[in-house]
Amino acid sequence: MNQCVLSGNLGADPEFFVSAEGTAVASFNLAFPAPKKKTGWLRVVAFHKLAETVERYLHKGAKVAVVGSLDQHKWTTEEGATKNSFQLICQAIDFIKTDGRGFEGAPEDDLPF
């Protein structure tokens, strides 16, 4: 099973674009508590309607809980070193605290909760 649940804060406003195929994509870095009083960081990527929700309502500093699966990327640098990174492919987001941006005037059935 590959399922991860994290809560934390956005480190910056989300990045949003629509792919050449017409798929909405949003991504952001999530800061979360890590062992020994450190902060961990993980890239979170959302697609389709969830990406549009992220772009509209989330912002730097917003506190969220995310559910998704980890995706590992491996590559080789020009110098021949092997690198890898992880990102969370988001399946669901719970809003814990936002500054209210994007909620003004939104129809009730359009709100993400």
PDB file of N, CA and C in Angstrom:
ATOM      1  N   MET A   1       0.849  -1.174   0.000  1.00  0.00           N
ATOM      2  CA  MET A   1       0.000   0.000   0.000  1.00  0.00           C
ATOM      3  C   MET A   1       0.896   1.238   0.000  1.00  0.00           C
ATOM      4  N   ASN A   2       0.544   2.209  -0.806  1.00  0.00           N
ATOM      5  CA  ASN A   2       1.288   3.462  -0.893  1.00  0.00           C
ATOM      6  C   ASN A   2       0.321   4.603  -0.616  1.00  0.00           C
ATOM      7  N   GLN A   3       0.159   4.932   0.656  1.00  0.00           N
ATOM      8  CA  GLN A   3      -0.716   6.042   1.030  1.00  0.00           C
ATOM      9  C   GLN A   3      -0.047   6.832   2.139  1.00  0.00           C
ATOM     10  N   CYS A   4      -0.074   8.142   1.990  1.00  0.00           N
ATOM     11  CA  CYS A   4       0.575   9.033   2.938  1.00  0.00           C
ATOM     12  C   CYS A   4      -0.416  10.104   3.360  1.00  0.00           C
ATOM     13  N   VAL A   5      -0.418  10.422   4.658  1.00  0.00           N
ATOM     14  CA  VAL A   5      -1.246  11.498   5.193  1.00  0.00           C
ATOM     15  C   VAL A   5      -0.317  12.440   5.948  1.00  0.00           C
ATOM     16  N   LEU A   6      -0.310  13.714   5.562  1.00  0.00           N
ATOM     17  CA  LEU A   6       0.534  14.722   6.206  1.00  0.00           C
ATOM     18  C   LEU A   6      -0.275  15.981   6.463  1.00  0.00           C
ATOM     19  N   SER A   7       0.083  16.681   7.505  1.00  0.00           N
ATOM     20  CA  SER A   7      -0.482  18.015   7.701  1.00  0.00           C
ATOM     21  C   SER A   7       0.682  18.978   7.857  1.00  0.00           C
ATOM     22  N   GLY A   8       0.482  20.173   7.363  1.00  0.00           N
ATOM     23  CA  GLY A   8       1.528  21.184   7.448  1.00  0.00           C
ATOM     24  C   GLY A   8       1.087  22.466   6.783  1.00  0.00           C
ATOM     25  N   ASN A   9       2.060  23.313   6.492  1.00  0.00           N
ATOM     26  CA  ASN A   9       1.801  24.636   5.933  1.00  0.00           C
ATOM     27  C   ASN A   9       2.462  24.787   4.570  1.00  0.00           C
ATOM     28  N   LEU A  10       1.785  25.516   3.682  1.00  0.00           N
ATOM     29  CA  LEU A  10       2.363  25.804   2.376  1.00  0.00           C
ATOM     30  C   LEU A  10       3.529  26.769   2.548  1.00  0.00           C
ATOM     31  N   GLY A  11       4.641  26.471   1.898  1.00  0.00           N
ATOM     32  CA  GLY A  11       5.818  27.315   1.980  1.00  0.00           C
ATOM     33  C   GLY A  11       5.768  28.509   1.045  1.00  0.00           C
ATOM     34  N   ALA A  12       4.887  28.470   0.061  1.00  0.00           N
ATOM     35  CA  ALA A  12       4.718  29.563  -0.915  1.00  0.00           C
ATOM     36  C   ALA A  12       3.354  29.377  -1.567  1.00  0.00           C
ATOM     37  N   ASP A  13       2.918  30.373  -2.308  1.00  0.00           N
ATOM     38  CA  ASP A  13       1.673  30.223  -3.054  1.00  0.00           C
ATOM     39  C   ASP A  13       1.820  29.068  -4.045  1.00  0.00           C
ATOM     40  N   PRO A  14       0.732  28.340  -4.320  1.00  0.00           N
ATOM     41  CA  PRO A  14       0.805  27.220  -5.268  1.00  0.00           C
ATOM     42  C   PRO A  14       1.167  27.695  -6.676  1.00  0.00           C
ATOM     43  N   GLU A  15       1.797  26.806  -7.418  1.00  0.00           N
ATOM     44  CA  GLU A  15       2.050  27.026  -8.840  1.00  0.00           C
ATOM     45  C   GLU A  15       0.948  26.305  -9.594  1.00  0.00           C
ATOM     46  N   PHE A  16       0.424  26.929 -10.645  1.00  0.00           N
ATOM     47  CA  PHE A  16      -0.699  26.359 -11.379  1.00  0.00           C
ATOM     48  C   PHE A  16      -0.466  26.506 -12.873  1.00  0.00           C
ATOM     49  N   PHE A  17      -0.813  25.465 -13.636  1.00  0.00           N
ATOM     50  CA  PHE A  17      -0.800  25.559 -15.090  1.00  0.00           C
ATOM     51  C   PHE A  17      -1.750  24.521 -15.670  1.00  0.00           C
ATOM     52  N   VAL A  18      -2.059  24.670 -16.935  1.00  0.00           N
ATOM     53  CA  VAL A  18      -2.861  23.698 -17.666  1.00  0.00           C
ATOM     54  C   VAL A  18      -1.947  23.060 -18.697  1.00  0.00           C
ATOM     55  N   SER A  19      -1.870  21.718 -18.677  1.00  0.00           N
ATOM     56  CA  SER A  19      -0.982  21.000 -19.578  1.00  0.00           C
ATOM     57  C   SER A  19      -1.467  21.121 -21.025  1.00  0.00           C
ATOM     58  N   ALA A  20      -0.617  20.712 -21.960  1.00  0.00           N
ATOM     59  CA  ALA A  20      -0.972  20.736 -23.375  1.00  0.00           C
ATOM     60  C   ALA A  20      -2.200  19.871 -23.653  1.00  0.00           C
ATOM     61  N   GLU A  21      -2.407  18.858 -22.817  1.00  0.00           N
ATOM     62  CA  GLU A  21      -3.565  17.970 -22.973  1.00  0.00           C
ATOM     63  C   GLU A  21      -4.821  18.543 -22.308  1.00  0.00           C
ATOM     64  N   GLY A  22      -4.701  19.700 -21.645  1.00  0.00           N
ATOM     65  CA  GLY A  22      -5.840  20.336 -21.010  1.00  0.00           C
ATOM     66  C   GLY A  22      -6.051  19.958 -19.556  1.00  0.00           C
ATOM     67  N   THR A  23      -5.071  19.309 -18.937  1.00  0.00           N
ATOM     68  CA  THR A  23      -5.177  18.902 -17.534  1.00  0.00           C
ATOM     69  C   THR A  23      -4.691  20.018 -16.623  1.00  0.00           C
ATOM     70  N   ALA A  24      -5.537  20.405 -15.659  1.00  0.00           N
ATOM     71  CA  ALA A  24      -5.136  21.392 -14.658  1.00  0.00           C
ATOM     72  C   ALA A  24      -4.169  20.740 -13.681  1.00  0.00           C
ATOM     73  N   VAL A  25      -3.063  21.439 -13.381  1.00  0.00           N
ATOM     74  CA  VAL A  25      -2.030  20.924 -12.479  1.00  0.00           C
ATOM     75  C   VAL A  25      -1.652  22.030 -11.497  1.00  0.00           C
ATOM     76  N   ALA A  26      -1.661  21.707 -10.207  1.00  0.00           N
ATOM     77  CA  ALA A  26      -1.208  22.648  -9.179  1.00  0.00           C
ATOM     78  C   ALA A  26      -0.200  21.932  -8.305  1.00  0.00           C
ATOM     79  N   SER A  27       0.817  22.658  -7.862  1.00  0.00           N
ATOM     80  CA  SER A  27       1.810  22.060  -6.972  1.00  0.00           C
ATOM     81  C   SER A  27       2.248  23.085  -5.945  1.00  0.00           C
ATOM     82  N   PHE A  28       2.697  22.559  -4.805  1.00  0.00           N
ATOM     83  CA  PHE A  28       3.193  23.423  -3.746  1.00  0.00           C
ATOM     84  C   PHE A  28       4.108  22.611  -2.841  1.00  0.00           C
ATOM     85  N   ASN A  29       4.964  23.320  -2.111  1.00  0.00           N
ATOM     86  CA  ASN A  29       5.828  22.687  -1.118  1.00  0.00           C
ATOM     87  C   ASN A  29       5.127  22.739   0.233  1.00  0.00           C
ATOM     88  N   LEU A  30       5.065  21.592   0.896  1.00  0.00           N
ATOM     89  CA  LEU A  30       4.416  21.482   2.199  1.00  0.00           C
ATOM     90  C   LEU A  30       5.477  21.305   3.271  1.00  0.00           C
ATOM     91  N   ALA A  31       5.473  22.200   4.264  1.00  0.00           N
ATOM     92  CA  ALA A  31       6.366  22.077   5.422  1.00  0.00           C
ATOM     93  C   ALA A  31       5.615  21.311   6.507  1.00  0.00           C
ATOM     94  N   PHE A  32       6.263  20.288   7.065  1.00  0.00           N
ATOM     95  CA  PHE A  32       5.608  19.484   8.096  1.00  0.00           C
ATOM     96  C   PHE A  32       6.606  19.182   9.208  1.00  0.00           C
ATOM     97  N   PRO A  33       6.117  18.912  10.416  1.00  0.00           N
ATOM     98  CA  PRO A  33       7.019  18.612  11.528  1.00  0.00           C
ATOM     99  C   PRO A  33       7.777  17.310  11.266  1.00  0.00           C
ATOM    100  N   ALA A  34       9.071  17.337  11.512  1.00  0.00           N
ATOM    101  CA  ALA A  34       9.916  16.151  11.343  1.00  0.00           C
ATOM    102  C   ALA A  34      10.597  15.842  12.685  1.00  0.00           C
ATOM    103  N   PRO A  35      11.165  14.656  12.817  1.00  0.00           N
ATOM    104  CA  PRO A  35      11.834  14.303  14.084  1.00  0.00           C
ATOM    105  C   PRO A  35      12.917  15.302  14.483  1.00  0.00           C
ATOM    106  N   LYS A  36      13.193  15.334  15.760  1.00  0.00           N
ATOM    107  CA  LYS A  36      14.233  16.184  16.345  1.00  0.00           C
ATOM    108  C   LYS A  36      13.985  17.668  16.108  1.00  0.00           C
ATOM    109  N   LYS A  37      12.711  18.064  16.183  1.00  0.00           N
ATOM    110  CA  LYS A  37      12.304  19.470  16.058  1.00  0.00           C
ATOM    111  C   LYS A  37      12.765  20.111  14.756  1.00  0.00           C
ATOM    112  N   LYS A  38      12.822  19.327  13.707  1.00  0.00           N
ATOM    113  CA  LYS A  38      13.182  19.841  12.388  1.00  0.00           C
ATOM    114  C   LYS A  38      11.930  19.984  11.540  1.00  0.00           C
ATOM    115  N   THR A  39      12.078  20.620  10.403  1.00  0.00           N
ATOM    116  CA  THR A  39      10.983  20.773   9.456  1.00  0.00           C
ATOM    117  C   THR A  39      11.295  19.960   8.219  1.00  0.00           C
ATOM    118  N   GLY A  40      10.348  19.120   7.819  1.00  0.00           N
ATOM    119  CA  GLY A  40      10.473  18.378   6.571  1.00  0.00           C
ATOM    120  C   GLY A  40       9.735  19.122   5.475  1.00  0.00           C
ATOM    121  N   TRP A  41      10.143  18.880   4.237  1.00  0.00           N
ATOM    122  CA  TRP A  41       9.504  19.515   3.085  1.00  0.00           C
ATOM    123  C   TRP A  41       9.180  18.443   2.060  1.00  0.00           C
ATOM    124  N   LEU A  42       7.997  18.539   1.467  1.00  0.00           N
ATOM    125  CA  LEU A  42       7.608  17.597   0.424  1.00  0.00           C
ATOM    126  C   LEU A  42       6.809  18.344  -0.637  1.00  0.00           C
ATOM    127  N   ARG A  43       7.102  18.064  -1.893  1.00  0.00           N
ATOM    128  CA  ARG A  43       6.359  18.654  -3.011  1.00  0.00           C
ATOM    129  C   ARG A  43       5.042  17.902  -3.127  1.00  0.00           C
ATOM    130  N   VAL A  44       3.935  18.643  -3.236  1.00  0.00           N
ATOM    131  CA  VAL A  44       2.602  18.067  -3.390  1.00  0.00           C
ATOM    132  C   VAL A  44       2.072  18.497  -4.758  1.00  0.00           C
ATOM    133  N   VAL A  45       1.530  17.530  -5.517  1.00  0.00           N
ATOM    134  CA  VAL A  45       1.001  17.810  -6.852  1.00  0.00           C
ATOM    135  C   VAL A  45      -0.454  17.348  -6.908  1.00  0.00           C
ATOM    136  N   ALA A  46      -1.330  18.233  -7.398  1.00  0.00           N
ATOM    137  CA  ALA A  46      -2.756  17.923  -7.547  1.00  0.00           C
ATOM    138  C   ALA A  46      -3.150  18.111  -9.009  1.00  0.00           C
ATOM    139  N   PHE A  47      -4.149  17.358  -9.430  1.00  0.00           N
ATOM    140  CA  PHE A  47      -4.601  17.403 -10.818  1.00  0.00           C
ATOM    141  C   PHE A  47      -6.104  17.685 -10.892  1.00  0.00           C
ATOM    142  N   HIS A  48      -6.548  18.124 -12.065  1.00  0.00           N
ATOM    143  CA  HIS A  48      -7.948  18.295 -12.419  1.00  0.00           C
ATOM    144  C   HIS A  48      -8.657  19.298 -11.486  1.00  0.00           C
ATOM    145  N   LYS A  49      -9.844  18.951 -11.019  1.00  0.00           N
ATOM    146  CA  LYS A  49     -10.653  19.844 -10.176  1.00  0.00           C
ATOM    147  C   LYS A  49      -9.933  20.166  -8.867  1.00  0.00           C
ATOM    148  N   LEU A  50      -9.228  19.184  -8.306  1.00  0.00           N
ATOM    149  CA  LEU A  50      -8.483  19.422  -7.068  1.00  0.00           C
ATOM    150  C   LEU A  50      -7.398  20.479  -7.295  1.00  0.00           C
ATOM    151  N   ALA A  51      -6.754  20.464  -8.450  1.00  0.00           N
ATOM    152  CA  ALA A  51      -5.751  21.480  -8.776  1.00  0.00           C
ATOM    153  C   ALA A  51      -6.382  22.865  -8.854  1.00  0.00           C
ATOM    154  N   GLU A  52      -7.572  22.963  -9.433  1.00  0.00           N
ATOM    155  CA  GLU A  52      -8.262  24.243  -9.515  1.00  0.00           C
ATOM    156  C   GLU A  52      -8.634  24.751  -8.124  1.00  0.00           C
ATOM    157  N   THR A  53      -9.021  23.852  -7.241  1.00  0.00           N
ATOM    158  CA  THR A  53      -9.346  24.223  -5.860  1.00  0.00           C
ATOM    159  C   THR A  53      -8.106  24.734  -5.141  1.00  0.00           C
ATOM    160  N   VAL A  54      -6.984  24.047  -5.311  1.00  0.00           N
ATOM    161  CA  VAL A  54      -5.717  24.474  -4.697  1.00  0.00           C
ATOM    162  C   VAL A  54      -5.364  25.870  -5.179  1.00  0.00           C
ATOM    163  N   GLU A  55      -5.445  26.087  -6.474  1.00  0.00           N
ATOM    164  CA  GLU A  55      -5.065  27.383  -7.051  1.00  0.00           C
ATOM    165  C   GLU A  55      -5.967  28.495  -6.545  1.00  0.00           C
ATOM    166  N   ARG A  56      -7.238  28.214  -6.384  1.00  0.00           N
ATOM    167  CA  ARG A  56      -8.193  29.260  -5.987  1.00  0.00           C
ATOM    168  C   ARG A  56      -8.139  29.598  -4.499  1.00  0.00           C
ATOM    169  N   TYR A  57      -7.996  28.599  -3.632  1.00  0.00           N
ATOM    170  CA  TYR A  57      -8.190  28.819  -2.200  1.00  0.00           C
ATOM    171  C   TYR A  57      -6.934  28.789  -1.338  1.00  0.00           C
ATOM    172  N   LEU A  58      -5.861  28.180  -1.821  1.00  0.00           N
ATOM    173  CA  LEU A  58      -4.691  28.048  -0.954  1.00  0.00           C
ATOM    174  C   LEU A  58      -3.649  29.125  -1.224  1.00  0.00           C
ATOM    175  N   HIS A  59      -2.801  29.362  -0.241  1.00  0.00           N
ATOM    176  CA  HIS A  59      -1.821  30.440  -0.289  1.00  0.00           C
ATOM    177  C   HIS A  59      -0.679  30.108   0.662  1.00  0.00           C
ATOM    178  N   LYS A  60       0.402  30.854   0.544  1.00  0.00           N
ATOM    179  CA  LYS A  60       1.530  30.692   1.447  1.00  0.00           C
ATOM    180  C   LYS A  60       1.049  30.766   2.889  1.00  0.00           C
ATOM    181  N   GLY A  61       1.470  29.807   3.704  1.00  0.00           N
ATOM    182  CA  GLY A  61       1.131  29.793   5.120  1.00  0.00           C
ATOM    183  C   GLY A  61      -0.132  29.032   5.465  1.00  0.00           C
ATOM    184  N   ALA A  62      -0.977  28.723   4.467  1.00  0.00           N
ATOM    185  CA  ALA A  62      -2.212  27.979   4.751  1.00  0.00           C
ATOM    186  C   ALA A  62      -1.859  26.626   5.366  1.00  0.00           C
ATOM    187  N   LYS A  63      -2.658  26.201   6.354  1.00  0.00           N
ATOM    188  CA  LYS A  63      -2.448  24.907   7.002  1.00  0.00           C
ATOM    189  C   LYS A  63      -3.448  23.920   6.411  1.00  0.00           C
ATOM    190  N   VAL A  64      -2.928  22.795   5.928  1.00  0.00           N
ATOM    191  CA  VAL A  64      -3.761  21.788   5.287  1.00  0.00           C
ATOM    192  C   VAL A  64      -3.338  20.393   5.731  1.00  0.00           C
ATOM    193  N   ALA A  65      -4.228  19.439   5.493  1.00  0.00           N
ATOM    194  CA  ALA A  65      -3.893  18.025   5.604  1.00  0.00           C
ATOM    195  C   ALA A  65      -4.066  17.452   4.208  1.00  0.00           C
ATOM    196  N   VAL A  66      -3.098  16.669   3.772  1.00  0.00           N
ATOM    197  CA  VAL A  66      -3.149  16.083   2.434  1.00  0.00           C
ATOM    198  C   VAL A  66      -3.085  14.564   2.528  1.00  0.00           C
ATOM    199  N   VAL A  67      -3.757  13.911   1.598  1.00  0.00           N
ATOM    200  CA  VAL A  67      -3.734  12.459   1.475  1.00  0.00           C
ATOM    201  C   VAL A  67      -3.326  12.149   0.045  1.00  0.00           C
ATOM    202  N   GLY A  68      -2.408  11.219  -0.113  1.00  0.00           N
ATOM    203  CA  GLY A  68      -1.992  10.859  -1.459  1.00  0.00           C
ATOM    204  C   GLY A  68      -0.990   9.729  -1.448  1.00  0.00           C
ATOM    205  N   SER A  69      -0.387   9.509  -2.596  1.00  0.00           N
ATOM    206  CA  SER A  69       0.621   8.457  -2.728  1.00  0.00           C
ATOM    207  C   SER A  69       1.968   9.081  -3.080  1.00  0.00           C
ATOM    208  N   LEU A  70       3.027   8.467  -2.583  1.00  0.00           N
ATOM    209  CA  LEU A  70       4.369   8.961  -2.868  1.00  0.00           C
ATOM    210  C   LEU A  70       4.822   8.500  -4.241  1.00  0.00           C
ATOM    211  N   ASP A  71       5.472   9.398  -4.955  1.00  0.00           N
ATOM    212  CA  ASP A  71       6.009   9.123  -6.285  1.00  0.00           C
ATOM    213  C   ASP A  71       7.490   9.469  -6.258  1.00  0.00           C
ATOM    214  N   GLN A  72       8.331   8.527  -6.643  1.00  0.00           N
ATOM    215  CA  GLN A  72       9.773   8.746  -6.611  1.00  0.00           C
ATOM    216  C   GLN A  72      10.294   9.025  -8.018  1.00  0.00           C
ATOM    217  N   HIS A  73      11.154  10.041  -8.122  1.00  0.00           N
ATOM    218  CA  HIS A  73      11.822  10.371  -9.377  1.00  0.00           C
ATOM    219  C   HIS A  73      13.310  10.097  -9.205  1.00  0.00           C
ATOM    220  N   LYS A  74      13.904   9.364 -10.146  1.00  0.00           N
ATOM    221  CA  LYS A  74      15.344   9.123 -10.154  1.00  0.00           C
ATOM    222  C   LYS A  74      15.907   9.652 -11.469  1.00  0.00           C
ATOM    223  N   TRP A  75      17.078  10.264 -11.380  1.00  0.00           N
ATOM    224  CA  TRP A  75      17.735  10.756 -12.576  1.00  0.00           C
ATOM    225  C   TRP A  75      19.231  10.768 -12.360  1.00  0.00           C
ATOM    226  N   THR A  76      19.953  10.903 -13.457  1.00  0.00           N
ATOM    227  CA  THR A  76      21.410  10.978 -13.416  1.00  0.00           C
ATOM    228  C   THR A  76      21.830  12.358 -13.887  1.00  0.00           C
ATOM    229  N   THR A  77      22.680  12.997 -13.112  1.00  0.00           N
ATOM    230  CA  THR A  77      23.159  14.331 -13.475  1.00  0.00           C
ATOM    231  C   THR A  77      24.172  14.219 -14.601  1.00  0.00           C
ATOM    232  N   GLU A  78      24.516  15.363 -15.179  1.00  0.00           N
ATOM    233  CA  GLU A  78      25.522  15.385 -16.244  1.00  0.00           C
ATOM    234  C   GLU A  78      26.875  14.865 -15.748  1.00  0.00           C
ATOM    235  N   GLU A  79      27.101  14.998 -14.429  1.00  0.00           N
ATOM    236  CA  GLU A  79      28.357  14.521 -13.849  1.00  0.00           C
ATOM    237  C   GLU A  79      28.305  13.025 -13.540  1.00  0.00           C
ATOM    238  N   GLY A  80      27.166  12.375 -13.780  1.00  0.00           N
ATOM    239  CA  GLY A  80      27.030  10.941 -13.556  1.00  0.00           C
ATOM    240  C   GLY A  80      26.512  10.548 -12.176  1.00  0.00           C
ATOM    241  N   ALA A  81      26.186  11.525 -11.354  1.00  0.00           N
ATOM    242  CA  ALA A  81      25.665  11.217 -10.019  1.00  0.00           C
ATOM    243  C   ALA A  81      24.182  10.844 -10.117  1.00  0.00           C
ATOM    244  N   THR A  82      23.781   9.860  -9.347  1.00  0.00           N
ATOM    245  CA  THR A  82      22.380   9.459  -9.290  1.00  0.00           C
ATOM    246  C   THR A  82      21.672  10.281  -8.218  1.00  0.00           C
ATOM    247  N   LYS A  83      20.563  10.862  -8.581  1.00  0.00           N
ATOM    248  CA  LYS A  83      19.762  11.676  -7.666  1.00  0.00           C
ATOM    249  C   LYS A  83      18.354  11.104  -7.623  1.00  0.00           C
ATOM    250  N   ASN A  84      17.652  11.381  -6.522  1.00  0.00           N
ATOM    251  CA  ASN A  84      16.240  11.026  -6.474  1.00  0.00           C
ATOM    252  C   ASN A  84      15.501  11.984  -5.560  1.00  0.00           C
ATOM    253  N   SER A  85      14.223  12.101  -5.815  1.00  0.00           N
ATOM    254  CA  SER A  85      13.361  12.949  -5.000  1.00  0.00           C
ATOM    255  C   SER A  85      11.978  12.311  -4.935  1.00  0.00           C
ATOM    256  N   PHE A  86      11.196  12.767  -3.977  1.00  0.00           N
ATOM    257  CA  PHE A  86       9.838  12.266  -3.807  1.00  0.00           C
ATOM    258  C   PHE A  86       8.856  13.422  -3.906  1.00  0.00           C
ATOM    259  N   GLN A  87       7.671  13.118  -4.383  1.00  0.00           N
ATOM    260  CA  GLN A  87       6.571  14.059  -4.352  1.00  0.00           C
ATOM    261  C   GLN A  87       5.316  13.292  -3.983  1.00  0.00           C
ATOM    262  N   LEU A  88       4.330  14.001  -3.457  1.00  0.00           N
ATOM    263  CA  LEU A  88       3.076  13.377  -3.082  1.00  0.00           C
ATOM    264  C   LEU A  88       2.048  13.696  -4.153  1.00  0.00           C
ATOM    265  N   ILE A  89       1.488  12.671  -4.772  1.00  0.00           N
ATOM    266  CA  ILE A  89       0.410  12.857  -5.732  1.00  0.00           C
ATOM    267  C   ILE A  89      -0.878  12.927  -4.916  1.00  0.00           C
ATOM    268  N   CYS A  90      -1.449  14.106  -4.850  1.00  0.00           N
ATOM    269  CA  CYS A  90      -2.545  14.393  -3.931  1.00  0.00           C
ATOM    270  C   CYS A  90      -3.870  13.819  -4.423  1.00  0.00           C
ATOM    271  N   GLN A  91      -4.571  13.169  -3.495  1.00  0.00           N
ATOM    272  CA  GLN A  91      -5.903  12.632  -3.781  1.00  0.00           C
ATOM    273  C   GLN A  91      -6.982  13.413  -3.035  1.00  0.00           C
ATOM    274  N   ALA A  92      -6.629  14.028  -1.902  1.00  0.00           N
ATOM    275  CA  ALA A  92      -7.593  14.794  -1.113  1.00  0.00           C
ATOM    276  C   ALA A  92      -6.857  15.828  -0.271  1.00  0.00           C
ATOM    277  N   ILE A  93      -7.530  16.945  -0.026  1.00  0.00           N
ATOM    278  CA  ILE A  93      -6.974  17.998   0.825  1.00  0.00           C
ATOM    279  C   ILE A  93      -8.058  18.449   1.796  1.00  0.00           C
ATOM    280  N   ASP A  94      -7.696  18.555   3.072  1.00  0.00           N
ATOM    281  CA  ASP A  94      -8.570  19.162   4.077  1.00  0.00           C
ATOM    282  C   ASP A  94      -7.979  20.509   4.442  1.00  0.00           C
ATOM    283  N   PHE A  95      -8.809  21.550   4.407  1.00  0.00           N
ATOM    284  CA  PHE A  95      -8.377  22.887   4.784  1.00  0.00           C
ATOM    285  C   PHE A  95      -8.446  22.989   6.305  1.00  0.00           C
ATOM    286  N   ILE A  96      -7.343  23.301   6.942  1.00  0.00           N
ATOM    287  CA  ILE A  96      -7.329  23.474   8.390  1.00  0.00           C
ATOM    288  C   ILE A  96      -7.408  24.953   8.738  1.00  0.00           C
ATOM    289  N   LYS A  97      -6.580  25.771   8.068  1.00  0.00           N
ATOM    290  CA  LYS A  97      -6.619  27.214   8.309  1.00  0.00           C
ATOM    291  C   LYS A  97      -6.114  27.939   7.071  1.00  0.00           C
ATOM    292  N   THR A  98      -6.926  28.891   6.596  1.00  0.00           N
ATOM    293  CA  THR A  98      -6.524  29.750   5.479  1.00  0.00           C
ATOM    294  C   THR A  98      -6.838  31.183   5.862  1.00  0.00           C
ATOM    295  N   ASP A  99      -6.412  32.119   5.045  1.00  0.00           N
ATOM    296  CA  ASP A  99      -6.730  33.523   5.340  1.00  0.00           C
ATOM    297  C   ASP A  99      -8.046  33.949   4.694  1.00  0.00           C
ATOM    298  N   GLY A 100      -8.797  33.007   4.110  1.00  0.00           N
ATOM    299  CA  GLY A 100     -10.089  33.313   3.511  1.00  0.00           C
ATOM    300  C   GLY A 100     -10.018  33.729   2.062  1.00  0.00           C
ATOM    301  N   ARG A 101      -8.822  33.800   1.508  1.00  0.00           N
ATOM    302  CA  ARG A 101      -8.649  34.204   0.119  1.00  0.00           C
ATOM    303  C   ARG A 101      -9.413  33.250  -0.804  1.00  0.00           C
ATOM    304  N   GLY A 102     -10.168  33.789  -1.745  1.00  0.00           N
ATOM    305  CA  GLY A 102     -10.902  32.981  -2.711  1.00  0.00           C
ATOM    306  C   GLY A 102     -12.302  32.615  -2.277  1.00  0.00           C
ATOM    307  N   PHE A 103     -12.623  32.778  -0.993  1.00  0.00           N
ATOM    308  CA  PHE A 103     -13.934  32.389  -0.494  1.00  0.00           C
ATOM    309  C   PHE A 103     -14.984  33.483  -0.666  1.00  0.00           C
ATOM    310  N   GLU A 104     -14.562  34.738  -0.844  1.00  0.00           N
ATOM    311  CA  GLU A 104     -15.504  35.854  -0.927  1.00  0.00           C
ATOM    312  C   GLU A 104     -16.418  35.681  -2.129  1.00  0.00           C
ATOM    313  N   GLY A 105     -17.724  35.682  -1.890  1.00  0.00           N
ATOM    314  CA  GLY A 105     -18.698  35.625  -2.972  1.00  0.00           C
ATOM    315  C   GLY A 105     -18.838  34.280  -3.640  1.00  0.00           C
ATOM    316  N   ALA A 106     -18.147  33.252  -3.175  1.00  0.00           N
ATOM    317  CA  ALA A 106     -18.257  31.938  -3.791  1.00  0.00           C
ATOM    318  C   ALA A 106     -19.590  31.303  -3.427  1.00  0.00           C
ATOM    319  N   PRO A 107     -20.295  30.730  -4.409  1.00  0.00           N
ATOM    320  CA  PRO A 107     -21.544  30.028  -4.082  1.00  0.00           C
ATOM    321  C   PRO A 107     -21.252  28.886  -3.107  1.00  0.00           C
ATOM    322  N   GLU A 108     -22.180  28.641  -2.202  1.00  0.00           N
ATOM    323  CA  GLU A 108     -21.953  27.641  -1.149  1.00  0.00           C
ATOM    324  C   GLU A 108     -21.627  26.268  -1.728  1.00  0.00           C
ATOM    325  N   ASP A 109     -22.267  25.884  -2.847  1.00  0.00           N
ATOM    326  CA  ASP A 109     -22.000  24.565  -3.410  1.00  0.00           C
ATOM    327  C   ASP A 109     -20.665  24.502  -4.160  1.00  0.00           C
ATOM    328  N   ASP A 110     -19.979  25.638  -4.287  1.00  0.00           N
ATOM    329  CA  ASP A 110     -18.684  25.685  -4.952  1.00  0.00           C
ATOM    330  C   ASP A 110     -17.528  25.623  -3.951  1.00  0.00           C
ATOM    331  N   LEU A 111     -17.819  25.740  -2.650  1.00  0.00           N
ATOM    332  CA  LEU A 111     -16.773  25.736  -1.637  1.00  0.00           C
ATOM    333  C   LEU A 111     -16.194  24.333  -1.488  1.00  0.00           C
ATOM    334  N   PRO A 112     -14.916  24.229  -1.163  1.00  0.00           N
ATOM    335  CA  PRO A 112     -14.239  22.930  -1.132  1.00  0.00           C
ATOM    336  C   PRO A 112     -14.500  22.108   0.118  1.00  0.00           C
ATOM    337  N   PHE A 113     -15.447  22.470   0.955  1.00  0.00           N
ATOM    338  CA  PHE A 113     -15.719  21.698   2.185  1.00  0.00           C
ATOM    339  C   PHE A 113     -17.201  21.581   2.403  1.00  0.00           C
TER     340      PHE A 113
END
